[in-house]
């Protein structure tokens, strides 16, 4: 009888499902943050490269001894 009662109580317990849902939400947010940071980092790098090319193109290269 005790085993059956414990199995019923275990079947009704939903706290484990809540932890899994929070874990899935955290994983989704982490994926979105990494994807956004990667995209933003790439476009920022392109911008800095373009500005650097324009600055070096506007001034003469340093003299070599």
C-alpha atoms as a PDB file:
ATOM      1  CA  UNK A   1       0.000   0.000   0.000  1.00  0.00           C
ATOM      2  CA  UNK A   2       2.782   2.445   0.853  1.00  0.00           C
ATOM      3  CA  UNK A   3       4.471   1.904  -2.495  1.00  0.00           C
ATOM      4  CA  UNK A   4       1.244   2.575  -4.381  1.00  0.00           C
ATOM      5  CA  UNK A   5       0.582   5.708  -2.335  1.00  0.00           C
ATOM      6  CA  UNK A   6       4.105   6.965  -3.011  1.00  0.00           C
ATOM      7  CA  UNK A   7       3.748   6.315  -6.738  1.00  0.00           C
ATOM      8  CA  UNK A   8       0.498   8.291  -6.837  1.00  0.00           C
ATOM      9  CA  UNK A   9       2.076  11.164  -4.943  1.00  0.00           C
ATOM     10  CA  UNK A  10       5.057  11.095  -7.315  1.00  0.00           C
ATOM     11  CA  UNK A  11       2.745  11.140 -10.344  1.00  0.00           C
ATOM     12  CA  UNK A  12       0.921  14.226  -9.005  1.00  0.00           C
ATOM     13  CA  UNK A  13       4.109  16.127  -8.150  1.00  0.00           C
ATOM     14  CA  UNK A  14       4.775  18.792 -10.787  1.00  0.00           C
ATOM     15  CA  UNK A  15       7.819  20.507  -9.272  1.00  0.00           C
ATOM     16  CA  UNK A  16      10.214  18.580 -11.520  1.00  0.00           C
ATOM     17  CA  UNK A  17       8.362  19.729 -14.622  1.00  0.00           C
ATOM     18  CA  UNK A  18       8.681  23.335 -13.471  1.00  0.00           C
ATOM     19  CA  UNK A  19      12.446  22.994 -13.094  1.00  0.00           C
ATOM     20  CA  UNK A  20      12.707  21.526 -16.584  1.00  0.00           C
ATOM     21  CA  UNK A  21      10.608  24.369 -18.022  1.00  0.00           C
ATOM     22  CA  UNK A  22      12.827  26.968 -16.370  1.00  0.00           C
ATOM     23  CA  UNK A  23      15.876  25.164 -17.715  1.00  0.00           C
ATOM     24  CA  UNK A  24      14.474  25.217 -21.241  1.00  0.00           C
ATOM     25  CA  UNK A  25      13.679  28.927 -20.963  1.00  0.00           C
ATOM     26  CA  UNK A  26      17.207  29.637 -19.720  1.00  0.00           C
ATOM     27  CA  UNK A  27      18.688  27.634 -22.608  1.00  0.00           C
ATOM     28  CA  UNK A  28      16.537  29.529 -25.119  1.00  0.00           C
ATOM     29  CA  UNK A  29      17.586  32.879 -23.662  1.00  0.00           C
ATOM     30  CA  UNK A  30      21.249  31.861 -23.680  1.00  0.00           C
ATOM     31  CA  UNK A  31      20.983  30.832 -27.328  1.00  0.00           C
ATOM     32  CA  UNK A  32      19.349  34.143 -28.235  1.00  0.00           C
ATOM     33  CA  UNK A  33      22.010  36.123 -26.347  1.00  0.00           C
ATOM     34  CA  UNK A  34      24.881  34.242 -27.996  1.00  0.00           C
ATOM     35  CA  UNK A  35      23.316  34.641 -31.437  1.00  0.00           C
ATOM     36  CA  UNK A  36      22.727  38.351 -30.909  1.00  0.00           C
ATOM     37  CA  UNK A  37      26.223  38.928 -29.559  1.00  0.00           C
ATOM     38  CA  UNK A  38      27.747  37.081 -32.506  1.00  0.00           C
ATOM     39  CA  UNK A  39      25.774  39.131 -35.011  1.00  0.00           C
ATOM     40  CA  UNK A  40      26.453  42.397 -33.220  1.00  0.00           C
ATOM     41  CA  UNK A  41      30.137  41.560 -32.839  1.00  0.00           C
ATOM     42  CA  UNK A  42      30.494  40.820 -36.539  1.00  0.00           C
ATOM     43  CA  UNK A  43      28.818  44.046 -37.637  1.00  0.00           C
ATOM     44  CA  UNK A  44      30.810  46.056 -35.079  1.00  0.00           C
ATOM     45  CA  UNK A  45      34.045  44.530 -36.368  1.00  0.00           C
ATOM     46  CA  UNK A  46      33.061  45.418 -39.928  1.00  0.00           C
ATOM     47  CA  UNK A  47      32.378  49.015 -38.878  1.00  0.00           C
ATOM     48  CA  UNK A  48      35.735  49.369 -37.121  1.00  0.00           C
ATOM     49  CA  UNK A  49      37.532  47.851 -40.106  1.00  0.00           C
ATOM     50  CA  UNK A  50      35.814  50.262 -42.498  1.00  0.00           C
ATOM     51  CA  UNK A  51      36.706  53.274 -40.305  1.00  0.00           C
ATOM     52  CA  UNK A  52      40.300  52.040 -39.940  1.00  0.00           C
ATOM     53  CA  UNK A  53      40.641  51.632 -43.689  1.00  0.00           C
ATOM     54  CA  UNK A  54      39.351  55.162 -44.240  1.00  0.00           C
ATOM     55  CA  UNK A  55      41.703  56.636 -41.628  1.00  0.00           C
ATOM     56  CA  UNK A  56      44.752  54.860 -43.034  1.00  0.00           C
ATOM     57  CA  UNK A  57      43.701  55.762 -46.555  1.00  0.00           C
ATOM     58  CA  UNK A  58      43.410  59.464 -45.666  1.00  0.00           C
ATOM     59  CA  UNK A  59      46.864  59.805 -44.153  1.00  0.00           C
ATOM     60  CA  UNK A  60      50.223  58.806 -45.581  1.00  0.00           C
ATOM     61  CA  UNK A  61      51.754  55.617 -44.259  1.00  0.00           C
ATOM     62  CA  UNK A  62      54.432  55.987 -41.601  1.00  0.00           C
ATOM     63  CA  UNK A  63      57.934  56.535 -42.917  1.00  0.00           C
ATOM     64  CA  UNK A  64      60.299  53.599 -42.686  1.00  0.00           C
ATOM     65  CA  UNK A  65      63.879  54.383 -41.649  1.00  0.00           C
END
